[in-house]
C-alpha cells in the first residue's frame, strides 16, 4: 500500500472522499444530532474495507481518525466490540494510528486491545433460517385468512353451516373407526418427522501467527517502464516462478506478473532492468492508475524517527537476493519457515502486522525482528534467506525499514 502523499484519485474517489470528510465534520460538530446514525453507517461501510476507499489511504481516513480518536477512547469494551458495538470503526482507527502509510506522528495513541472481542456474530445455517422464515410467513398468512373469515362470517348461510357440520361429523366418525381398528396410517402421514437443523461445518484452525504467511520469492525483472499515467510509478514485468493464471502474462517465453512500484525518481530506470529482486507474491492485486499490479517489490528506506515526517525523497535501495538465486526461489526468515497463505485477506492485516519487523542490520542483512511485533511475544531475529542459505541484503542502509 503506497503512502498517502504518493496517492492519486479518480473523480469518483474524490467524491467518495468528500462525502466521508463531510460525515466526519458532522460527527465532530453534532449539528444534525444523528451521530449514532453516522457511526452505524461508517461501521457498516468498513465491514469489508481496510480504508474508506477499500485499500487506498486518503485524507478521509485521517479526518475520521482525528474526529473519532477521542470518541473511541471514551468507549467501553462493550461499545467497542460488544453485540451492539462498532468493532470496524475501532479496527480502522487502530490501523490509521499505527500504519506508516498515513504519515502521521501520533502522540497519545488510543489504546486498543485486539484480544478483547466481546461478541462474534454466530454462523447462521442458511437452510434452517429459510425454514424459519417460511414458517413465520405461513403463520402470518393463516392469521390474515382467519381474520378475513371472521369478518365474512356474518354473511354465511344456514346451509353452509349445516354442510360444514356434516363434514365435521364424517371426519370424527372416520377418526373413531381408525382408533378402533388400529389403523393409524393417516395420522402417521400427517405427522412429518422434523429434520434436525444442519450443523455448520467446523471452521478450520487458524494458521499460527508468523511472517511465513507472507509469500516471499525471488523475482527477475525482465522489463521496466514508466507508468503512462503516474509520474511516481514504474511498471515492471517480473518472472517469479508462477504457473499461468488470471494474474500472469507471457513475456519472452516466461510467465510473468505486472507490478507497479513507487520507485520513479528514487531508483534510476536503467537500474531496474534485468535485475533480481525480492517480491511479495500473495497480496491482493490492485489497480494503480489503470494498471493492475499483482505483487510488490521489497525495498529499504531510512527508518522515520518519532516526530519526523516521511518526505519520500529517499534514499531507497532494492532488497537484493543472492546472486545465484533464480526466479521463483522461495525466500523466508530463519526460524520462521512455513507455508504462506494463497492470497492474504486484507481484513486480517497480515502484511501490516508483520512489516514493522522487516529491517536491516549493521552488516546490511535483511532480517525480521520479532520484537517489533508485540502479538508474537518473542524477540528472535531471523535473516531473510533462500532455500540454499543465501542471505538477502541491501547496499548501504543500516537499521532501515523494509517494505
Protein backbone atom coordinates (compact mmCIF):
# COMPACT_ATOMS: atom_id res chain seq x y z
CA UNK A 1 0.00 0.00 0.00
CA UNK A 2 1.64 3.26 -1.16
CA UNK A 3 1.88 6.19 1.24
CA UNK A 4 -0.87 8.82 1.33
CA UNK A 5 1.29 11.55 -0.26
CA UNK A 6 2.00 9.26 -3.22
CA UNK A 7 -1.66 8.53 -3.95
CA UNK A 8 -3.75 9.92 -6.79
CA UNK A 9 -7.51 9.66 -7.03
CA UNK A 10 -10.17 9.35 -9.72
CA UNK A 11 -13.11 11.81 -9.77
CA UNK A 12 -15.35 9.11 -8.30
CA UNK A 13 -12.86 8.51 -5.47
CA UNK A 14 -12.63 12.26 -4.81
CA UNK A 15 -16.42 12.39 -4.47
CA UNK A 16 -16.34 9.47 -2.01
CA UNK A 17 -13.56 11.16 -0.02
CA UNK A 18 -15.52 14.44 0.23
CA UNK A 19 -18.62 12.56 1.40
CA UNK A 20 -16.79 10.94 4.31
CA UNK A 21 -14.93 14.14 5.21
CA UNK A 22 -18.35 15.84 5.44
CA UNK A 23 -19.62 12.97 7.63
CA UNK A 24 -16.56 13.39 9.84
CA UNK A 25 -17.29 17.11 10.28
CA UNK A 26 -20.97 16.36 11.05
CA UNK A 27 -19.94 13.87 13.75
CA UNK A 28 -17.45 16.36 15.20
CA UNK A 29 -19.96 19.22 15.38
CA UNK A 30 -23.01 17.10 16.23
CA UNK A 31 -25.00 19.68 14.30
CA UNK A 32 -27.67 17.31 12.94
CA UNK A 33 -28.00 15.32 16.17
CA UNK A 34 -27.60 11.96 14.39
CA UNK A 35 -24.11 10.89 15.42
CA UNK A 36 -25.34 7.34 16.11
CA UNK A 37 -26.64 7.08 12.54
CA UNK A 38 -23.35 8.35 11.10
CA UNK A 39 -21.34 5.94 13.26
CA UNK A 40 -23.52 2.97 12.31
CA UNK A 41 -23.19 3.84 8.61
CA UNK A 42 -19.40 4.13 8.93
CA UNK A 43 -19.14 0.84 10.86
CA UNK A 44 -21.16 -0.97 8.16
CA UNK A 45 -19.10 0.64 5.39
CA UNK A 46 -15.81 -0.51 6.96
CA UNK A 47 -17.02 -4.09 7.43
CA UNK A 48 -15.47 -5.09 4.09
CA UNK A 49 -12.80 -2.38 3.73
CA UNK A 50 -9.37 -1.64 5.17
CA UNK A 51 -9.70 2.08 4.38
CA UNK A 52 -12.66 4.27 3.44
CA UNK A 53 -11.84 3.70 -0.26
CA UNK A 54 -11.21 -0.01 0.19
CA UNK A 55 -7.43 -0.41 0.29
CA UNK A 56 -6.16 3.07 -0.67
CA UNK A 57 -5.37 5.63 2.07
CA UNK A 58 -6.92 9.11 1.76
CA UNK A 59 -7.49 12.28 3.76
CA UNK A 60 -10.95 10.92 4.64
CA UNK A 61 -9.27 8.25 6.82
CA UNK A 62 -7.19 10.91 8.56
CA UNK A 63 -10.21 13.19 9.09
CA UNK A 64 -12.26 10.35 10.57
CA UNK A 65 -9.35 9.37 12.82
CA UNK A 66 -8.94 12.92 14.15
CA UNK A 67 -12.69 13.13 14.82
CA UNK A 68 -13.18 9.67 16.31
CA UNK A 69 -9.98 9.15 18.34
CA UNK A 70 -11.34 10.96 21.44
CA UNK A 71 -14.77 9.35 20.92
CA UNK A 72 -13.43 5.77 20.72
CA UNK A 73 -11.02 6.42 23.60
CA UNK A 74 -14.05 7.02 25.82
CA UNK A 75 -15.96 3.92 24.67
CA UNK A 76 -16.31 0.94 26.97
CA UNK A 77 -15.22 -2.51 25.83
CA UNK A 78 -18.86 -3.39 25.04
CA UNK A 79 -19.26 -0.23 22.96
CA UNK A 80 -16.17 -1.26 21.01
CA UNK A 81 -16.65 -4.99 20.40
CA UNK A 82 -19.89 -5.95 22.16
CA UNK A 83 -23.02 -7.20 20.43
CA UNK A 84 -24.18 -3.61 19.81
CA UNK A 85 -20.63 -2.28 19.42
CA UNK A 86 -18.84 -0.82 16.41
CA UNK A 87 -15.72 -3.00 16.04
CA UNK A 88 -14.96 -1.96 12.44
CA UNK A 89 -14.52 1.67 13.48
CA UNK A 90 -12.12 0.55 16.24
CA UNK A 91 -10.12 -1.58 13.77
CA UNK A 92 -9.91 1.29 11.27
CA UNK A 93 -8.78 3.77 13.95
CA UNK A 94 -6.06 1.39 15.16
CA UNK A 95 -4.84 0.85 11.59
CA UNK A 96 -4.64 4.61 10.86
CA UNK A 97 -2.75 5.45 14.06
CA UNK A 98 -0.20 2.67 13.56
CA UNK A 99 0.30 2.36 9.80
CA UNK A 100 3.14 4.43 8.28
CA UNK A 101 1.20 4.90 5.02
CA UNK A 102 -0.83 7.72 6.62
CA UNK A 103 2.37 9.59 7.55
CA UNK A 104 1.03 10.64 10.96
CA UNK A 105 3.13 11.34 14.00
CA UNK A 106 0.51 10.35 16.59
CA UNK A 107 1.18 11.16 20.22
CA UNK A 108 -1.00 9.51 22.83
CA UNK A 109 -2.48 6.77 20.66
CA UNK A 110 -5.84 5.28 21.56
CA UNK A 111 -5.24 2.03 23.46
CA UNK A 112 -6.77 -0.88 21.55
CA UNK A 113 -6.77 -4.41 22.98
CA UNK A 114 -7.06 -6.62 19.88
CA UNK A 115 -7.68 -9.70 22.04
CA UNK A 116 -10.72 -8.19 23.84
CA UNK A 117 -13.53 -9.27 21.49
CA UNK A 118 -16.82 -9.32 23.39
CA UNK A 119 -19.13 -10.61 20.66
CA UNK A 120 -18.72 -12.66 17.48
CA UNK A 121 -21.75 -12.90 15.24
CA UNK A 122 -22.81 -16.60 15.18
CA UNK A 123 -22.77 -18.56 11.95
CA UNK A 124 -26.32 -18.81 10.55
CA UNK A 125 -27.36 -22.08 8.96
CA UNK A 126 -28.92 -20.93 5.69
CA UNK A 127 -31.34 -23.87 5.38
CA UNK A 128 -32.62 -23.58 8.95
CA UNK A 129 -33.05 -19.83 8.54
CA UNK A 130 -35.04 -20.37 5.33
CA UNK A 131 -37.35 -22.85 7.12
CA UNK A 132 -37.86 -20.42 10.00
CA UNK A 133 -38.83 -17.59 7.65
CA UNK A 134 -41.15 -19.92 5.75
CA UNK A 135 -42.97 -20.91 8.99
CA UNK A 136 -43.29 -17.28 10.04
CA UNK A 137 -44.77 -16.39 6.67
CA UNK A 138 -47.25 -19.30 6.85
CA UNK A 139 -48.32 -18.28 10.38
CA UNK A 140 -48.87 -14.69 9.26
CA UNK A 141 -50.90 -15.84 6.24
CA UNK A 142 -53.07 -18.11 8.43
CA UNK A 143 -53.75 -15.24 10.85
CA UNK A 144 -54.74 -12.98 7.97
CA UNK A 145 -57.03 -15.65 6.49
CA UNK A 146 -58.64 -16.24 9.89
CA UNK A 147 -59.35 -12.54 10.31
CA UNK A 148 -60.92 -12.35 6.86
CA UNK A 149 -63.06 -15.43 7.64
CA UNK A 150 -64.32 -13.85 10.87
CA UNK A 151 -65.24 -10.67 9.03
CA UNK A 152 -67.18 -12.55 6.39
CA UNK A 153 -68.82 -14.99 8.80
CA UNK A 154 -71.87 -12.78 9.20
CA UNK A 155 -72.81 -13.47 5.59
CA UNK A 156 -72.62 -17.26 5.92
CA UNK A 157 -75.96 -19.00 5.20
CA UNK A 158 -77.62 -21.71 7.32
CA UNK A 159 -76.99 -24.21 4.52
CA UNK A 160 -73.24 -23.52 4.64
CA UNK A 161 -73.17 -24.10 8.39
CA UNK A 162 -75.10 -27.37 8.08
CA UNK A 163 -72.80 -28.62 5.32
CA UNK A 164 -69.70 -27.85 7.39
CA UNK A 165 -71.22 -29.58 10.39
CA UNK A 166 -71.92 -32.74 8.34
CA UNK A 167 -68.34 -32.77 7.09
CA UNK A 168 -67.05 -32.45 10.64
CA UNK A 169 -69.24 -35.36 11.80
CA UNK A 170 -67.90 -37.54 8.98
CA UNK A 171 -64.32 -36.71 9.96
CA UNK A 172 -64.99 -37.58 13.61
CA UNK A 173 -66.60 -40.90 12.62
CA UNK A 174 -63.62 -41.76 10.43
CA UNK A 175 -61.21 -40.93 13.27
CA UNK A 176 -63.19 -43.17 15.67
CA UNK A 177 -63.06 -46.06 13.21
CA UNK A 178 -59.29 -45.72 12.86
CA UNK A 179 -58.90 -45.73 16.65
CA UNK A 180 -60.90 -49.00 16.91
CA UNK A 181 -59.12 -50.81 14.07
CA UNK A 182 -55.66 -49.55 14.98
CA UNK A 183 -55.28 -48.01 11.58
CA UNK A 184 -53.13 -45.01 12.27
CA UNK A 185 -51.67 -44.63 8.80
CA UNK A 186 -53.47 -41.36 8.26
CA UNK A 187 -52.07 -39.96 11.49
CA UNK A 188 -48.54 -41.08 10.55
CA UNK A 189 -48.91 -39.43 7.19
CA UNK A 190 -49.93 -36.14 8.81
CA UNK A 191 -47.02 -36.14 11.19
CA UNK A 192 -43.86 -35.24 9.43
CA UNK A 193 -40.68 -36.04 11.13
CA UNK A 194 -38.86 -32.80 11.78
CA UNK A 195 -35.37 -32.81 10.45
CA UNK A 196 -32.66 -31.78 12.83
CA UNK A 197 -31.11 -28.48 11.75
CA UNK A 198 -27.94 -28.95 9.78
CA UNK A 199 -24.94 -28.25 11.92
CA UNK A 200 -22.49 -25.71 10.48
CA UNK A 201 -19.18 -27.15 9.39
CA UNK A 202 -16.40 -26.57 11.91
CA UNK A 203 -14.12 -23.73 10.92
CA UNK A 204 -10.54 -24.78 10.03
CA UNK A 205 -7.96 -23.99 12.67
CA UNK A 206 -6.35 -20.60 12.13
CA UNK A 207 -2.74 -20.71 10.97
CA UNK A 208 -0.26 -19.70 13.70
CA UNK A 209 0.88 -16.07 13.50
CA UNK A 210 4.14 -16.00 11.56
CA UNK A 211 5.82 -13.91 8.86
CA UNK A 212 5.91 -17.13 6.80
CA UNK A 213 2.25 -16.40 5.92
CA UNK A 214 3.68 -13.79 3.53
CA UNK A 215 4.72 -15.37 0.21
CA UNK A 216 8.24 -14.03 -0.46
CA UNK A 217 10.08 -15.10 -3.61
CA UNK A 218 12.96 -14.15 -5.87
CA UNK A 219 11.76 -12.14 -8.85
CA UNK A 220 13.59 -11.36 -12.10
CA UNK A 221 12.69 -8.02 -13.71
CA UNK A 222 12.61 -8.64 -17.46
CA UNK A 223 11.40 -5.16 -18.35
CA UNK A 224 10.59 -1.91 -16.53
CA UNK A 225 8.95 1.21 -17.98
CA UNK A 226 7.48 4.47 -16.74
CA UNK A 227 3.79 4.28 -15.81
CA UNK A 228 1.83 6.04 -18.59
CA UNK A 229 -0.40 7.93 -16.12
CA UNK A 230 1.60 8.27 -12.90
CA UNK A 231 4.91 10.11 -12.63
CA UNK A 232 5.94 8.32 -9.41
CA UNK A 233 5.40 4.77 -10.65
CA UNK A 234 7.34 2.19 -12.65
CA UNK A 235 5.56 -0.71 -14.34
CA UNK A 236 7.71 -3.85 -14.26
CA UNK A 237 7.30 -7.23 -15.93
CA UNK A 238 8.66 -9.75 -13.42
CA UNK A 239 9.12 -13.53 -13.59
CA UNK A 240 8.57 -15.10 -10.17
CA UNK A 241 8.00 -18.81 -10.80
CA UNK A 242 4.23 -18.78 -11.41
CA UNK A 243 2.12 -21.15 -13.44
CA UNK A 244 -0.18 -19.34 -15.92
CA UNK A 245 -3.30 -17.83 -14.28
CA UNK A 246 -5.53 -14.77 -14.46
CA UNK A 247 -2.83 -12.56 -12.90
CA UNK A 248 0.01 -13.55 -15.25
CA UNK A 249 1.12 -12.78 -18.76
CA UNK A 250 3.82 -14.20 -21.04
CA UNK A 251 6.92 -12.22 -21.94
CA UNK A 252 9.97 -13.54 -23.77
CA UNK A 253 8.70 -17.09 -23.23
CA UNK A 254 8.38 -16.69 -19.43
CA UNK A 255 5.31 -16.48 -17.20
CA UNK A 256 5.34 -13.06 -15.54
CA UNK A 257 3.30 -10.69 -13.43
CA UNK A 258 2.89 -6.95 -13.91
CA UNK A 259 3.98 -4.96 -10.85
CA UNK A 260 3.64 -1.22 -10.15
CA UNK A 261 6.26 0.29 -7.83
CA UNK A 262 6.53 3.83 -6.45
CA UNK A 263 10.25 4.00 -7.27
CA UNK A 264 10.28 6.52 -10.13
CA UNK A 265 12.65 9.31 -9.09
CA UNK A 266 14.20 7.17 -6.36
CA UNK A 267 15.94 4.45 -8.40
CA UNK A 268 17.10 5.11 -11.99
CA UNK A 269 15.05 3.22 -14.57
CA UNK A 270 18.23 1.74 -16.04
CA UNK A 271 18.99 0.04 -12.69
CA UNK A 272 15.61 -1.69 -12.77
CA UNK A 273 16.31 -3.58 -15.98
CA UNK A 274 17.21 -7.28 -15.75
CA UNK A 275 17.93 -7.32 -12.02
CA UNK A 276 16.93 -9.81 -9.35
CA UNK A 277 14.64 -8.59 -6.54
CA UNK A 278 12.53 -9.97 -3.70
CA UNK A 279 8.77 -9.78 -4.24
CA UNK A 280 5.70 -10.18 -2.03
CA UNK A 281 3.52 -12.50 -4.11
CA UNK A 282 0.27 -13.02 -2.17
CA UNK A 283 -1.07 -9.50 -1.68
CA UNK A 284 -4.46 -8.97 -3.28
CA UNK A 285 -3.96 -7.44 -6.78
CA UNK A 286 -4.89 -3.75 -7.03
CA UNK A 287 -5.25 -1.30 -9.91
CA UNK A 288 -2.83 1.63 -9.77
CA UNK A 289 -3.92 4.39 -12.14
CA UNK A 290 -5.44 1.89 -14.55
CA UNK A 291 -2.68 -0.77 -14.39
CA UNK A 292 -3.32 -3.99 -12.43
CA UNK A 293 -0.44 -4.61 -10.03
CA UNK A 294 -0.12 -8.25 -8.92
CA UNK A 295 2.80 -8.19 -6.45
CA UNK A 296 5.10 -5.81 -4.57
CA UNK A 297 8.86 -5.27 -4.83
CA UNK A 298 10.65 -5.09 -1.45
CA UNK A 299 12.84 -2.03 -0.90
CA UNK A 300 14.59 -0.44 2.07
CA UNK A 301 14.46 3.19 3.19
CA UNK A 302 15.72 5.02 6.30
CA UNK A 303 13.55 4.44 9.38
CA UNK A 304 11.47 7.50 10.26
CA UNK A 305 12.16 8.73 13.76
CA UNK A 306 9.46 9.78 16.20
CA UNK A 307 8.12 13.19 15.23
CA UNK A 308 9.62 13.14 11.71
CA UNK A 309 7.57 13.11 8.52
CA UNK A 310 8.39 10.77 5.63
CA UNK A 311 9.08 13.08 2.67
CA UNK A 312 9.61 10.11 0.29
CA UNK A 313 12.81 11.65 -1.05
CA UNK A 314 14.89 8.58 -0.32
CA UNK A 315 17.37 7.16 -0.35
CA UNK A 316 15.76 3.85 -1.38
CA UNK A 317 17.54 0.55 -2.06
CA UNK A 318 16.05 -2.62 -3.52
CA UNK A 319 16.44 -5.80 -1.47
CA UNK A 320 18.90 -8.00 -3.38
CA UNK A 321 18.68 -11.81 -3.24
CA UNK A 322 21.84 -13.93 -3.54
CA UNK A 323 23.47 -13.71 -6.99
CA UNK A 324 22.95 -17.43 -7.72
CA UNK A 325 19.21 -17.40 -6.93
CA UNK A 326 16.60 -17.98 -9.62
CA UNK A 327 13.18 -16.51 -10.33
CA UNK A 328 10.59 -18.26 -8.16
CA UNK A 329 13.01 -19.39 -5.41
CA UNK A 330 11.28 -19.26 -2.02
CA UNK A 331 12.62 -16.71 0.45
CA UNK A 332 11.89 -16.91 4.19
CA UNK A 333 13.16 -15.66 7.55
CA UNK A 334 15.32 -18.09 9.51
CA UNK A 335 13.31 -19.59 12.35
CA UNK A 336 10.01 -18.73 10.66
CA UNK A 337 9.82 -21.19 7.80
CA UNK A 338 6.37 -22.43 6.77
CA UNK A 339 3.66 -22.42 4.10
CA UNK A 340 2.38 -18.99 3.02
CA UNK A 341 -1.30 -18.24 2.51
CA UNK A 342 -2.67 -18.30 -1.03
CA UNK A 343 -3.86 -14.67 -1.01
CA UNK A 344 -3.62 -12.53 2.11
CA UNK A 345 -7.02 -11.47 3.43
CA UNK A 346 -6.94 -7.64 3.66
CA UNK A 347 -9.26 -7.77 6.68
CA UNK A 348 -6.71 -9.75 8.71
CA UNK A 349 -3.96 -7.18 8.02
CA UNK A 350 -1.22 -9.84 7.99
CA UNK A 351 1.17 -7.67 5.98
CA UNK A 352 0.51 -4.62 8.17
CA UNK A 353 1.11 -6.74 11.29
CA UNK A 354 4.49 -8.16 10.31
CA UNK A 355 6.00 -5.42 8.10
CA UNK A 356 7.20 -3.31 11.08
CA UNK A 357 9.58 -6.19 11.89
CA UNK A 358 11.23 -6.08 8.43
CA UNK A 359 14.55 -4.26 8.86
CA UNK A 360 18.30 -4.37 8.14
CA UNK A 361 21.33 -4.96 10.36
CA UNK A 362 24.68 -3.20 10.64
CA UNK A 363 26.05 -5.92 8.35
CA UNK A 364 23.38 -4.95 5.74
CA UNK A 365 21.47 -8.24 6.03
CA UNK A 366 17.69 -8.09 5.71
CA UNK A 367 16.11 -9.57 8.85
CA UNK A 368 12.83 -10.00 10.72
CA UNK A 369 12.87 -8.53 14.25
CA UNK A 370 10.12 -10.38 16.15
CA UNK A 371 10.41 -7.85 18.98
CA UNK A 372 8.72 -5.27 16.73
CA UNK A 373 5.53 -7.38 16.55
CA UNK A 374 4.02 -7.41 20.04
CA UNK A 375 1.48 -10.12 19.20
CA UNK A 376 4.27 -12.70 18.76
CA UNK A 377 5.65 -12.27 22.27
CA UNK A 378 9.18 -13.05 21.05
CA UNK A 379 12.45 -11.21 20.43
CA UNK A 380 14.01 -13.53 17.82
CA UNK A 381 15.99 -12.10 14.89
CA UNK A 382 15.96 -14.13 11.65
CA UNK A 383 17.81 -13.42 8.41
CA UNK A 384 15.95 -13.39 5.09
CA UNK A 385 17.40 -16.39 3.23
CA UNK A 386 16.80 -18.66 0.25
CA UNK A 387 16.46 -22.46 0.39
CA UNK A 388 20.24 -22.78 -0.13
CA UNK A 389 21.01 -20.47 2.80
CA UNK A 390 21.99 -17.38 0.81
CA UNK A 391 21.16 -14.12 2.61
CA UNK A 392 19.23 -11.20 1.09
CA UNK A 393 20.93 -7.84 1.58
CA UNK A 394 20.86 -4.11 0.84
CA UNK A 395 23.73 -1.87 -0.30
CA UNK A 396 24.23 0.74 2.44
CA UNK A 397 21.15 1.28 4.61
CA UNK A 398 21.51 0.09 8.22
CA UNK A 399 18.54 -0.20 10.60
CA UNK A 400 16.24 0.58 7.70
CA UNK A 401 12.54 -0.02 7.14
CA UNK A 402 11.90 -2.72 4.53
CA UNK A 403 8.58 -2.63 2.68
